[in-house]
Structure formats: C-alpha cells, structure tokens
Amino acid sequence: MESSNPEPIAFLSYVQSDDEHDNRRLTEFRERLSAEVKMQTGEEFPIFQDRSEIHWGQNWSERIEKSIDSTTFLIPIITPSFFRSEACRRELELFLEREDEAGRGDLILAVYYVDSPVLNDEAKRENDPLAATLSTRQYADWRDLRFEPPTNPEVGHRLAKLAIEIRDALERRGLPPRVRALLGTRGRSGARRSDPGGLLRRFTHAERRSQTEK
C-alpha cells in the first residue's frame, strides 16, 4: 500500500514572488514533473515545495537544512530573483556540499525559467561563484515555454525529457538507501553525525575510484 504522505525525493528551490507573479505556474510545473517522473518510473516522486513564509534566524536555517537533508535532488528555478534570494543561495550551497560528499555531479537539476544576466555574462559570473557553478551545468531551458499553455506539446516533451534525466540519475550507480540516509543525517549544528563503521567514507572512496578508472 502506498503511503498517503510519502517522503519527498526532490526539493524545489524557487522564489515565491516569481510563482505568484506567474499565476502559480511553478507550482503547476512541480505537480506535472512529479507526475511525469511517476509515469517514467512507475513510482511516486514527491517534490517538496515550501509555500509558507520562512522567518530568518535559527528556525529558518534548521527548517531549510532539515528539508534538504531528507531529499535526493535539488531543482532550482533560475530567475534574476533566485540569485538575489538568500534562501535560494543557501539551498544551492547546501546541495553542492552534498554532491561533493557523495562524489556525484547529477543531483542538481536546474530549470532556466527567466533570462538572468548574472548567468549569461562571464564578467558578472566572476563575482558570483554560485552563478559560475551553475553555468557549467546542464539545465532545462524553460525560457521559451514560460508563457505557453500546459497543453502545448512541447511543454510535455520537455517535461518528459527532464523526467527521464531524473530516472537515469536514480538508476546511475544509485546511492544505497543506508548511505543516502547517512548523507542526510545532520545534527543541529549542521555537521554530519558519526559514520558508523566508516560506511560512508568507504562507499564514497569506492565511488570516486571507480569513476577515475573509467
């Protein structure tokens, strides 16, 4: 029997005002992508989307880290406001750290939603390390689809393509659940807890060694 409230597998990193301005199109994108991944895999693919106002300070930090620690993928929605959002930047920083710990480079699936000068201009990227990092990654380009209706066949094709990338990332030398759980286990300070028996250290070392030998 399927759980009525399955744990999220992905985290949607976005600016709420962008979603509000576009009449909840980002919320609709999240719902359709979740359904399309299920279509491609046969399994539920819940995507966490925080619609509430998050207050700054310790509660905000703990809430963000807890939410990210429980997911496998980050889906940042790239707009000019994304790079000006302290919350979005922190979410991206945390997930980049997770990728590094896991020896992976395919857990951040960016969606380029609105043209962003800081991402396009090399001189501006030099002053923004996060923009520079994202510029080296593949992304789903949604700029020409932003105003298209959901019934547009191209919207469906792009969603299917992104869902297949997620499916392949899940299957590609996937992290065993016990190791993923260790990656997601952090104390209140934000530091990873102990690694029983060196399991995480051994797995990460083996992953990196196998990738080097390819």
N, C-alpha and C. Protein backbone atom coordinates (compact mmCIF):
# COMPACT_ATOMS: atom_id res chain seq x y z
N MET A 1 0.85 -1.19 0.00
CA MET A 1 0.00 0.00 0.00
C MET A 1 0.89 1.24 0.00
N GLU A 2 0.55 2.22 -0.87
CA GLU A 2 1.34 3.42 -0.97
C GLU A 2 1.04 4.35 0.21
N SER A 3 2.09 5.03 0.66
CA SER A 3 1.91 5.98 1.76
C SER A 3 1.14 7.19 1.26
N SER A 4 0.23 7.69 2.10
CA SER A 4 -0.54 8.87 1.70
C SER A 4 0.31 10.12 1.75
N ASN A 5 1.39 10.10 2.52
CA ASN A 5 2.30 11.23 2.62
C ASN A 5 3.74 10.76 2.47
N PRO A 6 4.14 10.37 1.25
CA PRO A 6 5.48 9.86 1.05
C PRO A 6 6.53 10.94 1.27
N GLU A 7 7.71 10.53 1.71
CA GLU A 7 8.79 11.48 1.92
C GLU A 7 9.21 12.07 0.57
N PRO A 8 9.48 13.39 0.52
CA PRO A 8 9.89 13.99 -0.75
C PRO A 8 11.24 13.47 -1.21
N ILE A 9 11.40 13.35 -2.52
CA ILE A 9 12.65 12.90 -3.11
C ILE A 9 13.42 14.07 -3.70
N ALA A 10 12.70 15.13 -4.06
CA ALA A 10 13.33 16.32 -4.63
C ALA A 10 12.86 17.57 -3.89
N PHE A 11 13.65 18.62 -4.00
CA PHE A 11 13.39 19.89 -3.32
C PHE A 11 13.34 20.98 -4.38
N LEU A 12 12.20 21.67 -4.49
CA LEU A 12 12.05 22.77 -5.44
C LEU A 12 12.57 24.05 -4.79
N SER A 13 13.64 24.60 -5.35
CA SER A 13 14.22 25.84 -4.83
C SER A 13 13.79 26.98 -5.75
N TYR A 14 12.99 27.89 -5.23
CA TYR A 14 12.41 28.94 -6.07
C TYR A 14 12.06 30.16 -5.22
N VAL A 15 11.72 31.26 -5.89
CA VAL A 15 11.31 32.47 -5.21
C VAL A 15 9.79 32.55 -5.29
N GLN A 16 9.15 32.66 -4.15
CA GLN A 16 7.68 32.63 -4.11
C GLN A 16 7.04 33.73 -4.93
N SER A 17 7.64 34.91 -4.96
CA SER A 17 7.04 36.00 -5.73
C SER A 17 7.05 35.70 -7.23
N ASP A 18 8.04 34.92 -7.69
CA ASP A 18 8.05 34.51 -9.10
C ASP A 18 6.84 33.63 -9.40
N ASP A 19 6.54 32.72 -8.50
CA ASP A 19 5.39 31.83 -8.68
C ASP A 19 4.09 32.62 -8.64
N GLU A 20 3.99 33.56 -7.70
CA GLU A 20 2.77 34.36 -7.58
C GLU A 20 2.56 35.23 -8.82
N HIS A 21 3.62 35.82 -9.31
CA HIS A 21 3.52 36.69 -10.49
C HIS A 21 3.04 35.91 -11.71
N ASP A 22 3.47 34.67 -11.83
CA ASP A 22 3.11 33.84 -12.99
C ASP A 22 1.90 32.95 -12.72
N ASN A 23 1.07 33.37 -11.79
CA ASN A 23 -0.19 32.64 -11.51
C ASN A 23 0.03 31.16 -11.19
N ARG A 24 1.02 30.91 -10.34
CA ARG A 24 1.30 29.57 -9.82
C ARG A 24 1.77 28.59 -10.89
N ARG A 25 2.40 29.12 -11.93
CA ARG A 25 2.92 28.23 -12.97
C ARG A 25 4.04 27.33 -12.44
N LEU A 26 4.83 27.83 -11.48
CA LEU A 26 5.89 27.00 -10.92
C LEU A 26 5.31 25.87 -10.09
N THR A 27 4.22 26.16 -9.38
CA THR A 27 3.54 25.11 -8.64
C THR A 27 3.00 24.06 -9.61
N GLU A 28 2.44 24.52 -10.71
CA GLU A 28 1.93 23.59 -11.72
C GLU A 28 3.07 22.78 -12.34
N PHE A 29 4.21 23.43 -12.56
CA PHE A 29 5.39 22.73 -13.08
C PHE A 29 5.80 21.62 -12.14
N ARG A 30 5.85 21.93 -10.85
CA ARG A 30 6.23 20.92 -9.85
C ARG A 30 5.27 19.73 -9.88
N GLU A 31 3.97 20.01 -9.94
CA GLU A 31 2.97 18.94 -9.95
C GLU A 31 3.11 18.06 -11.20
N ARG A 32 3.31 18.70 -12.36
CA ARG A 32 3.40 17.93 -13.60
C ARG A 32 4.70 17.14 -13.69
N LEU A 33 5.80 17.71 -13.19
CA LEU A 33 7.06 16.98 -13.21
C LEU A 33 6.99 15.77 -12.29
N SER A 34 6.40 15.94 -11.12
CA SER A 34 6.22 14.82 -10.19
C SER A 34 5.43 13.69 -10.86
N ALA A 35 4.35 14.05 -11.54
CA ALA A 35 3.53 13.04 -12.21
C ALA A 35 4.25 12.40 -13.38
N GLU A 36 5.07 13.20 -14.10
CA GLU A 36 5.78 12.65 -15.27
C GLU A 36 6.88 11.68 -14.83
N VAL A 37 7.56 11.97 -13.73
CA VAL A 37 8.57 11.02 -13.24
C VAL A 37 7.90 9.72 -12.83
N LYS A 38 6.73 9.81 -12.21
CA LYS A 38 5.99 8.59 -11.88
C LYS A 38 5.62 7.82 -13.14
N MET A 39 5.26 8.55 -14.21
CA MET A 39 4.94 7.91 -15.48
C MET A 39 6.15 7.17 -16.03
N GLN A 40 7.34 7.75 -15.87
CA GLN A 40 8.56 7.17 -16.42
C GLN A 40 9.15 6.05 -15.56
N THR A 41 8.82 6.06 -14.28
CA THR A 41 9.44 5.08 -13.36
C THR A 41 8.45 4.11 -12.75
N GLY A 42 7.17 4.49 -12.73
CA GLY A 42 6.17 3.65 -12.07
C GLY A 42 6.15 3.82 -10.57
N GLU A 43 6.91 4.80 -10.06
CA GLU A 43 6.98 5.03 -8.62
C GLU A 43 6.70 6.49 -8.30
N GLU A 44 6.18 6.72 -7.11
CA GLU A 44 5.90 8.09 -6.67
C GLU A 44 7.20 8.91 -6.64
N PHE A 45 7.09 10.19 -7.00
CA PHE A 45 8.24 11.09 -6.96
C PHE A 45 7.80 12.42 -6.35
N PRO A 46 7.63 12.45 -5.03
CA PRO A 46 7.18 13.68 -4.37
C PRO A 46 8.27 14.76 -4.42
N ILE A 47 7.86 15.98 -4.72
CA ILE A 47 8.77 17.13 -4.76
C ILE A 47 8.35 18.11 -3.68
N PHE A 48 9.27 18.42 -2.77
CA PHE A 48 8.97 19.35 -1.69
C PHE A 48 8.92 20.77 -2.22
N GLN A 49 7.86 21.49 -1.91
CA GLN A 49 7.72 22.90 -2.26
C GLN A 49 7.22 23.64 -1.04
N ASP A 50 8.04 24.52 -0.52
CA ASP A 50 7.68 25.29 0.67
C ASP A 50 6.94 26.54 0.22
N ARG A 51 5.64 26.62 0.52
CA ARG A 51 4.84 27.78 0.13
C ARG A 51 4.67 28.78 1.27
N SER A 52 5.15 28.43 2.44
CA SER A 52 4.95 29.31 3.60
C SER A 52 6.07 30.33 3.71
N GLU A 53 5.81 31.37 4.43
CA GLU A 53 6.82 32.39 4.68
C GLU A 53 7.79 31.86 5.75
N ILE A 54 9.06 31.90 5.44
CA ILE A 54 10.07 31.42 6.37
C ILE A 54 10.74 32.62 7.05
N HIS A 55 10.72 32.62 8.37
CA HIS A 55 11.34 33.72 9.11
C HIS A 55 12.84 33.46 9.25
N TRP A 56 13.60 34.53 9.19
CA TRP A 56 15.05 34.41 9.29
C TRP A 56 15.46 33.98 10.69
N GLY A 57 16.67 33.50 10.79
CA GLY A 57 17.19 33.08 12.07
C GLY A 57 17.34 31.57 12.17
N GLN A 58 17.47 31.09 13.39
CA GLN A 58 17.74 29.68 13.62
C GLN A 58 16.63 28.79 13.08
N ASN A 59 15.35 29.16 13.30
CA ASN A 59 14.26 28.32 12.82
C ASN A 59 14.29 28.17 11.32
N TRP A 60 14.58 29.26 10.62
CA TRP A 60 14.66 29.20 9.15
C TRP A 60 15.79 28.27 8.72
N SER A 61 16.97 28.44 9.32
CA SER A 61 18.13 27.64 8.94
C SER A 61 17.88 26.15 9.18
N GLU A 62 17.34 25.84 10.36
CA GLU A 62 17.09 24.43 10.68
C GLU A 62 16.04 23.83 9.75
N ARG A 63 15.04 24.62 9.43
CA ARG A 63 13.96 24.12 8.58
C ARG A 63 14.47 23.84 7.17
N ILE A 64 15.29 24.75 6.63
CA ILE A 64 15.85 24.55 5.29
C ILE A 64 16.75 23.32 5.27
N GLU A 65 17.65 23.21 6.25
CA GLU A 65 18.58 22.09 6.27
C GLU A 65 17.86 20.77 6.45
N LYS A 66 16.84 20.74 7.30
CA LYS A 66 16.09 19.51 7.52
C LYS A 66 15.38 19.08 6.24
N SER A 67 14.78 20.04 5.54
CA SER A 67 14.06 19.72 4.31
C SER A 67 15.02 19.21 3.24
N ILE A 68 16.16 19.86 3.09
CA ILE A 68 17.13 19.45 2.07
C ILE A 68 17.76 18.11 2.43
N ASP A 69 18.03 17.91 3.71
CA ASP A 69 18.67 16.66 4.12
C ASP A 69 17.81 15.44 3.85
N SER A 70 16.50 15.62 3.71
CA SER A 70 15.62 14.48 3.50
C SER A 70 15.36 14.20 2.03
N THR A 71 15.98 14.96 1.13
CA THR A 71 15.74 14.77 -0.30
C THR A 71 17.01 14.37 -1.03
N THR A 72 16.83 13.89 -2.28
CA THR A 72 17.95 13.42 -3.09
C THR A 72 18.32 14.41 -4.19
N PHE A 73 17.33 15.12 -4.74
CA PHE A 73 17.58 16.06 -5.84
C PHE A 73 17.19 17.48 -5.45
N LEU A 74 17.92 18.45 -6.02
CA LEU A 74 17.54 19.85 -5.91
C LEU A 74 17.14 20.33 -7.30
N ILE A 75 15.98 21.01 -7.39
CA ILE A 75 15.50 21.56 -8.65
C ILE A 75 15.41 23.07 -8.49
N PRO A 76 16.49 23.80 -8.79
CA PRO A 76 16.46 25.26 -8.67
C PRO A 76 15.78 25.88 -9.90
N ILE A 77 14.86 26.81 -9.67
CA ILE A 77 14.18 27.53 -10.74
C ILE A 77 14.92 28.85 -10.92
N ILE A 78 15.68 28.96 -12.02
CA ILE A 78 16.60 30.08 -12.19
C ILE A 78 15.89 31.30 -12.78
N THR A 79 15.92 32.39 -12.01
CA THR A 79 15.41 33.70 -12.42
C THR A 79 16.37 34.74 -11.82
N PRO A 80 16.27 35.99 -12.22
CA PRO A 80 17.11 37.02 -11.58
C PRO A 80 16.92 37.05 -10.06
N SER A 81 15.68 36.83 -9.61
CA SER A 81 15.41 36.87 -8.17
C SER A 81 16.06 35.72 -7.43
N PHE A 82 16.27 34.60 -8.12
CA PHE A 82 16.89 33.44 -7.47
C PHE A 82 18.26 33.81 -6.92
N PHE A 83 19.05 34.54 -7.72
CA PHE A 83 20.40 34.88 -7.28
C PHE A 83 20.41 35.97 -6.21
N ARG A 84 19.29 36.67 -6.04
CA ARG A 84 19.19 37.70 -5.00
C ARG A 84 18.54 37.17 -3.72
N SER A 85 18.11 35.93 -3.76
CA SER A 85 17.44 35.33 -2.61
C SER A 85 18.45 34.62 -1.72
N GLU A 86 18.55 35.06 -0.48
CA GLU A 86 19.48 34.42 0.46
C GLU A 86 19.07 32.97 0.71
N ALA A 87 17.76 32.72 0.76
CA ALA A 87 17.29 31.35 0.99
C ALA A 87 17.68 30.44 -0.16
N CYS A 88 17.44 30.89 -1.40
CA CYS A 88 17.77 30.06 -2.56
C CYS A 88 19.27 29.80 -2.65
N ARG A 89 20.06 30.81 -2.38
CA ARG A 89 21.51 30.65 -2.44
C ARG A 89 21.98 29.64 -1.39
N ARG A 90 21.40 29.71 -0.20
CA ARG A 90 21.78 28.79 0.86
C ARG A 90 21.39 27.36 0.49
N GLU A 91 20.21 27.20 -0.11
CA GLU A 91 19.76 25.87 -0.52
C GLU A 91 20.72 25.28 -1.55
N LEU A 92 21.14 26.10 -2.50
CA LEU A 92 22.08 25.63 -3.52
C LEU A 92 23.43 25.28 -2.91
N GLU A 93 23.92 26.11 -2.00
CA GLU A 93 25.19 25.84 -1.35
C GLU A 93 25.16 24.51 -0.59
N LEU A 94 24.08 24.27 0.14
CA LEU A 94 23.96 23.02 0.90
C LEU A 94 23.96 21.80 -0.02
N PHE A 95 23.28 21.93 -1.16
CA PHE A 95 23.21 20.77 -2.04
C PHE A 95 24.50 20.55 -2.80
N LEU A 96 25.24 21.61 -3.09
CA LEU A 96 26.56 21.44 -3.70
C LEU A 96 27.48 20.69 -2.74
N GLU A 97 27.37 20.99 -1.44
CA GLU A 97 28.15 20.27 -0.45
C GLU A 97 27.76 18.80 -0.44
N ARG A 98 26.46 18.53 -0.55
CA ARG A 98 26.00 17.14 -0.55
C ARG A 98 26.54 16.39 -1.77
N GLU A 99 26.50 17.01 -2.93
CA GLU A 99 27.04 16.37 -4.14
C GLU A 99 28.52 16.03 -3.94
N ASP A 100 29.26 16.96 -3.36
CA ASP A 100 30.69 16.73 -3.15
C ASP A 100 30.91 15.57 -2.20
N GLU A 101 30.13 15.49 -1.14
CA GLU A 101 30.26 14.40 -0.18
C GLU A 101 29.96 13.05 -0.82
N ALA A 102 29.00 13.04 -1.75
CA ALA A 102 28.57 11.79 -2.38
C ALA A 102 29.40 11.45 -3.60
N GLY A 103 30.28 12.35 -4.03
CA GLY A 103 31.05 12.10 -5.24
C GLY A 103 30.17 12.08 -6.47
N ARG A 104 29.10 12.88 -6.45
CA ARG A 104 28.15 12.92 -7.56
C ARG A 104 28.14 14.31 -8.18
N GLY A 105 27.65 14.39 -9.42
CA GLY A 105 27.53 15.68 -10.08
C GLY A 105 26.22 15.79 -10.84
N ASP A 106 25.24 14.95 -10.46
CA ASP A 106 23.98 14.89 -11.21
C ASP A 106 22.75 14.99 -10.32
N LEU A 107 22.90 15.61 -9.16
CA LEU A 107 21.78 15.69 -8.23
C LEU A 107 21.12 17.07 -8.21
N ILE A 108 21.70 18.03 -8.96
CA ILE A 108 21.11 19.37 -9.09
C ILE A 108 20.61 19.52 -10.52
N LEU A 109 19.30 19.66 -10.67
CA LEU A 109 18.65 19.72 -11.99
C LEU A 109 18.03 21.10 -12.16
N ALA A 110 18.81 22.02 -12.70
CA ALA A 110 18.37 23.40 -12.81
C ALA A 110 17.39 23.59 -13.95
N VAL A 111 16.42 24.48 -13.73
CA VAL A 111 15.45 24.87 -14.75
C VAL A 111 15.63 26.38 -14.99
N TYR A 112 16.07 26.74 -16.19
CA TYR A 112 16.31 28.15 -16.53
C TYR A 112 14.98 28.75 -16.97
N TYR A 113 14.37 29.53 -16.08
CA TYR A 113 12.99 29.98 -16.27
C TYR A 113 12.88 31.40 -16.83
N VAL A 114 13.69 32.32 -16.32
CA VAL A 114 13.70 33.70 -16.80
C VAL A 114 15.15 34.13 -17.02
N ASP A 115 15.39 34.77 -18.15
CA ASP A 115 16.75 35.18 -18.51
C ASP A 115 17.41 35.96 -17.38
N SER A 116 18.64 35.55 -17.01
CA SER A 116 19.33 36.13 -15.86
C SER A 116 20.71 36.62 -16.28
N PRO A 117 20.93 37.94 -16.31
CA PRO A 117 22.22 38.48 -16.75
C PRO A 117 23.42 37.92 -16.00
N VAL A 118 23.25 37.67 -14.70
CA VAL A 118 24.39 37.18 -13.92
C VAL A 118 24.83 35.79 -14.38
N LEU A 119 23.93 35.06 -14.99
CA LEU A 119 24.27 33.72 -15.50
C LEU A 119 24.83 33.80 -16.91
N ASN A 120 24.39 34.80 -17.68
CA ASN A 120 24.80 34.89 -19.08
C ASN A 120 26.12 35.62 -19.29
N ASP A 121 26.41 36.57 -18.41
CA ASP A 121 27.57 37.45 -18.57
C ASP A 121 28.77 36.89 -17.81
N GLU A 122 29.84 36.58 -18.53
CA GLU A 122 31.02 35.99 -17.90
C GLU A 122 31.62 36.92 -16.85
N ALA A 123 31.65 38.21 -17.12
CA ALA A 123 32.22 39.16 -16.16
C ALA A 123 31.42 39.19 -14.87
N LYS A 124 30.10 39.11 -14.98
CA LYS A 124 29.26 39.11 -13.79
C LYS A 124 29.38 37.78 -13.04
N ARG A 125 29.56 36.69 -13.77
CA ARG A 125 29.71 35.38 -13.12
C ARG A 125 30.97 35.33 -12.27
N GLU A 126 31.98 36.08 -12.66
CA GLU A 126 33.23 36.08 -11.90
C GLU A 126 33.02 36.58 -10.47
N ASN A 127 31.99 37.40 -10.28
CA ASN A 127 31.70 37.94 -8.94
C ASN A 127 30.63 37.15 -8.21
N ASP A 128 30.18 36.05 -8.80
CA ASP A 128 29.14 35.23 -8.18
C ASP A 128 29.49 33.76 -8.37
N PRO A 129 30.16 33.15 -7.40
CA PRO A 129 30.60 31.75 -7.54
C PRO A 129 29.45 30.78 -7.82
N LEU A 130 28.27 31.03 -7.25
CA LEU A 130 27.15 30.11 -7.48
C LEU A 130 26.68 30.19 -8.92
N ALA A 131 26.61 31.40 -9.47
CA ALA A 131 26.23 31.55 -10.88
C ALA A 131 27.28 30.91 -11.77
N ALA A 132 28.55 31.06 -11.41
CA ALA A 132 29.62 30.45 -12.19
C ALA A 132 29.50 28.92 -12.18
N THR A 133 29.15 28.36 -11.02
CA THR A 133 28.99 26.91 -10.93
C THR A 133 27.81 26.44 -11.77
N LEU A 134 26.68 27.12 -11.67
CA LEU A 134 25.50 26.73 -12.44
C LEU A 134 25.75 26.84 -13.94
N SER A 135 26.58 27.79 -14.36
CA SER A 135 26.83 27.98 -15.78
C SER A 135 27.56 26.80 -16.40
N THR A 136 28.21 25.99 -15.56
CA THR A 136 28.93 24.82 -16.07
C THR A 136 28.05 23.58 -16.12
N ARG A 137 26.83 23.68 -15.62
CA ARG A 137 25.92 22.53 -15.55
C ARG A 137 24.94 22.55 -16.72
N GLN A 138 24.45 21.37 -17.06
CA GLN A 138 23.34 21.30 -17.99
C GLN A 138 22.08 21.75 -17.28
N TYR A 139 21.16 22.33 -18.01
CA TYR A 139 19.92 22.76 -17.41
C TYR A 139 18.78 22.60 -18.42
N ALA A 140 17.56 22.56 -17.88
CA ALA A 140 16.37 22.53 -18.73
C ALA A 140 15.99 23.97 -19.03
N ASP A 141 16.03 24.35 -20.30
CA ASP A 141 15.75 25.73 -20.69
C ASP A 141 14.25 25.91 -20.88
N TRP A 142 13.64 26.64 -19.95
CA TRP A 142 12.19 26.86 -19.97
C TRP A 142 11.83 28.28 -20.38
N ARG A 143 12.81 29.08 -20.80
CA ARG A 143 12.56 30.48 -21.08
C ARG A 143 11.56 30.67 -22.22
N ASP A 144 11.64 29.83 -23.23
CA ASP A 144 10.71 29.98 -24.36
C ASP A 144 9.36 29.32 -24.11
N LEU A 145 9.24 28.62 -22.96
CA LEU A 145 7.98 27.94 -22.64
C LEU A 145 7.21 28.63 -21.52
N ARG A 146 7.78 29.69 -20.98
CA ARG A 146 7.20 30.32 -19.79
C ARG A 146 5.73 30.72 -20.00
N PHE A 147 5.39 31.21 -21.17
CA PHE A 147 4.03 31.70 -21.41
C PHE A 147 3.19 30.72 -22.23
N GLU A 148 3.73 29.54 -22.47
CA GLU A 148 2.97 28.55 -23.25
C GLU A 148 1.96 27.83 -22.35
N PRO A 149 0.79 27.49 -22.90
CA PRO A 149 -0.21 26.77 -22.10
C PRO A 149 0.25 25.34 -21.81
N PRO A 150 -0.24 24.75 -20.75
CA PRO A 150 0.16 23.38 -20.40
C PRO A 150 -0.15 22.37 -21.50
N THR A 151 -1.11 22.69 -22.35
CA THR A 151 -1.49 21.75 -23.41
C THR A 151 -0.53 21.78 -24.60
N ASN A 152 0.41 22.73 -24.61
CA ASN A 152 1.40 22.78 -25.69
C ASN A 152 2.22 21.50 -25.68
N PRO A 153 2.26 20.77 -26.82
CA PRO A 153 3.01 19.51 -26.86
C PRO A 153 4.48 19.65 -26.46
N GLU A 154 5.09 20.80 -26.78
CA GLU A 154 6.50 20.98 -26.45
C GLU A 154 6.72 21.01 -24.94
N VAL A 155 5.74 21.54 -24.21
CA VAL A 155 5.83 21.53 -22.75
C VAL A 155 5.88 20.09 -22.25
N GLY A 156 5.02 19.25 -22.80
CA GLY A 156 5.01 17.84 -22.42
C GLY A 156 6.31 17.14 -22.78
N HIS A 157 6.84 17.44 -23.97
CA HIS A 157 8.10 16.82 -24.39
C HIS A 157 9.25 17.20 -23.46
N ARG A 158 9.31 18.48 -23.08
CA ARG A 158 10.41 18.93 -22.20
C ARG A 158 10.27 18.32 -20.81
N LEU A 159 9.05 18.22 -20.31
CA LEU A 159 8.84 17.58 -19.01
C LEU A 159 9.27 16.12 -19.05
N ALA A 160 8.93 15.44 -20.14
CA ALA A 160 9.32 14.03 -20.26
C ALA A 160 10.84 13.88 -20.31
N LYS A 161 11.50 14.80 -21.03
CA LYS A 161 12.95 14.75 -21.11
C LYS A 161 13.59 14.93 -19.74
N LEU A 162 13.08 15.90 -18.97
CA LEU A 162 13.62 16.14 -17.63
C LEU A 162 13.33 14.95 -16.72
N ALA A 163 12.16 14.36 -16.85
CA ALA A 163 11.80 13.20 -16.04
C ALA A 163 12.71 12.02 -16.35
N ILE A 164 13.07 11.86 -17.61
CA ILE A 164 13.97 10.77 -17.99
C ILE A 164 15.36 11.00 -17.41
N GLU A 165 15.81 12.26 -17.37
CA GLU A 165 17.10 12.56 -16.75
C GLU A 165 17.08 12.19 -15.27
N ILE A 166 15.97 12.48 -14.62
CA ILE A 166 15.84 12.11 -13.20
C ILE A 166 15.84 10.59 -13.05
N ARG A 167 15.09 9.92 -13.90
CA ARG A 167 15.04 8.45 -13.85
C ARG A 167 16.44 7.87 -14.01
N ASP A 168 17.19 8.38 -15.00
CA ASP A 168 18.53 7.86 -15.25
C ASP A 168 19.48 8.15 -14.10
N ALA A 169 19.33 9.34 -13.48
CA ALA A 169 20.18 9.67 -12.34
C ALA A 169 19.88 8.75 -11.16
N LEU A 170 18.61 8.38 -11.00
CA LEU A 170 18.25 7.45 -9.92
C LEU A 170 18.87 6.07 -10.15
N GLU A 171 18.96 5.67 -11.41
CA GLU A 171 19.46 4.34 -11.74
C GLU A 171 20.98 4.31 -11.87
N ARG A 172 21.59 5.46 -12.14
CA ARG A 172 23.02 5.51 -12.41
C ARG A 172 23.82 5.38 -11.13
N ARG A 173 24.31 4.18 -10.89
CA ARG A 173 25.14 3.94 -9.71
C ARG A 173 24.51 4.59 -8.48
N GLY A 174 23.23 4.32 -8.28
CA GLY A 174 22.47 4.97 -7.21
C GLY A 174 23.05 4.73 -5.84
N LEU A 175 22.93 5.71 -4.99
CA LEU A 175 23.37 5.57 -3.61
C LEU A 175 22.46 4.58 -2.89
N PRO A 176 23.01 3.59 -2.21
CA PRO A 176 22.18 2.71 -1.41
C PRO A 176 21.42 3.52 -0.37
N PRO A 177 20.19 3.14 -0.03
CA PRO A 177 19.40 3.91 0.93
C PRO A 177 20.12 4.17 2.24
N ARG A 178 20.89 3.18 2.73
CA ARG A 178 21.55 3.38 4.03
C ARG A 178 22.62 4.45 3.94
N VAL A 179 23.28 4.57 2.76
CA VAL A 179 24.30 5.60 2.60
C VAL A 179 23.64 6.95 2.41
N ARG A 180 22.55 6.99 1.66
CA ARG A 180 21.84 8.24 1.48
C ARG A 180 21.32 8.76 2.81
N ALA A 181 20.91 7.83 3.66
CA ALA A 181 20.42 8.23 4.98
C ALA A 181 21.55 8.85 5.80
N LEU A 182 22.75 8.31 5.67
CA LEU A 182 23.89 8.87 6.39
C LEU A 182 24.20 10.27 5.88
N LEU A 183 24.12 10.45 4.54
CA LEU A 183 24.38 11.76 3.97
C LEU A 183 23.39 12.78 4.49
N GLY A 184 22.17 12.32 4.76
CA GLY A 184 21.13 13.24 5.17
C GLY A 184 21.00 13.39 6.66
N THR A 185 21.88 12.77 7.44
CA THR A 185 21.77 12.84 8.89
C THR A 185 22.72 13.88 9.44
N ARG A 186 22.16 14.97 9.90
CA ARG A 186 22.98 16.05 10.44
C ARG A 186 22.46 16.46 11.81
N GLY A 187 23.36 16.93 12.61
CA GLY A 187 22.96 17.42 13.91
C GLY A 187 22.44 18.84 13.79
N ARG A 188 22.04 19.42 14.92
CA ARG A 188 21.51 20.78 14.90
C ARG A 188 22.56 21.79 14.47
N SER A 189 23.82 21.47 14.65
CA SER A 189 24.87 22.39 14.25
C SER A 189 25.08 22.40 12.76
N GLY A 190 24.50 21.41 12.05
CA GLY A 190 24.68 21.33 10.60
C GLY A 190 25.78 20.36 10.21
N ALA A 191 26.56 19.88 11.19
CA ALA A 191 27.65 18.96 10.88
C ALA A 191 27.12 17.54 10.77
N ARG A 192 27.73 16.74 9.86
CA ARG A 192 27.31 15.37 9.75
C ARG A 192 27.63 14.61 11.01
N ARG A 193 26.73 13.72 11.39
CA ARG A 193 26.97 12.89 12.56
C ARG A 193 27.99 11.82 12.23
N SER A 194 28.30 10.97 13.21
CA SER A 194 29.33 9.96 13.04
C SER A 194 28.96 9.00 11.92
N ASP A 195 29.99 8.39 11.33
CA ASP A 195 29.82 7.46 10.22
C ASP A 195 30.09 6.06 10.75
N PRO A 196 29.05 5.35 11.21
CA PRO A 196 29.25 4.04 11.83
C PRO A 196 30.03 3.09 10.93
N GLY A 197 31.16 2.60 11.46
CA GLY A 197 31.95 1.62 10.72
C GLY A 197 32.63 2.20 9.49
N GLY A 198 32.60 3.52 9.32
CA GLY A 198 33.23 4.12 8.15
C GLY A 198 32.51 3.79 6.86
N LEU A 199 31.21 3.47 6.94
CA LEU A 199 30.46 3.04 5.76
C LEU A 199 30.44 4.12 4.69
N LEU A 200 30.10 5.36 5.10
CA LEU A 200 30.03 6.44 4.12
C LEU A 200 31.39 6.72 3.51
N ARG A 201 32.43 6.75 4.36
CA ARG A 201 33.77 7.02 3.85
C ARG A 201 34.20 5.97 2.84
N ARG A 202 33.95 4.68 3.14
CA ARG A 202 34.36 3.62 2.23
C ARG A 202 33.58 3.67 0.93
N PHE A 203 32.28 3.95 1.03
CA PHE A 203 31.46 3.97 -0.18
C PHE A 203 31.88 5.12 -1.09
N THR A 204 32.06 6.31 -0.49
CA THR A 204 32.44 7.47 -1.29
C THR A 204 33.79 7.26 -1.95
N HIS A 205 34.74 6.66 -1.22
CA HIS A 205 36.05 6.39 -1.78
C HIS A 205 35.95 5.42 -2.96
N ALA A 206 35.15 4.38 -2.81
CA ALA A 206 34.98 3.40 -3.88
C ALA A 206 34.32 4.02 -5.10
N GLU A 207 33.33 4.90 -4.87
CA GLU A 207 32.66 5.58 -5.98
C GLU A 207 33.64 6.42 -6.77
N ARG A 208 34.43 7.22 -6.06
CA ARG A 208 35.36 8.11 -6.75
C ARG A 208 36.45 7.31 -7.47
N ARG A 209 36.89 6.21 -6.87
CA ARG A 209 37.93 5.40 -7.50
C ARG A 209 37.41 4.77 -8.78
N SER A 210 36.16 4.29 -8.75
CA SER A 210 35.59 3.67 -9.95
C SER A 210 35.40 4.68 -11.06
N GLN A 211 35.04 5.93 -10.71
CA GLN A 211 34.86 6.96 -11.70
C GLN A 211 36.20 7.35 -12.32
N THR A 212 37.27 7.35 -11.50
CA THR A 212 38.60 7.68 -12.00
C THR A 212 39.10 6.62 -12.97
N GLU A 213 38.75 5.36 -12.71
CA GLU A 213 39.24 4.27 -13.53
C GLU A 213 38.53 4.18 -14.86
N LYS A 214 37.39 4.87 -15.03
CA LYS A 214 36.62 4.79 -16.28
C LYS A 214 37.40 5.43 -17.43
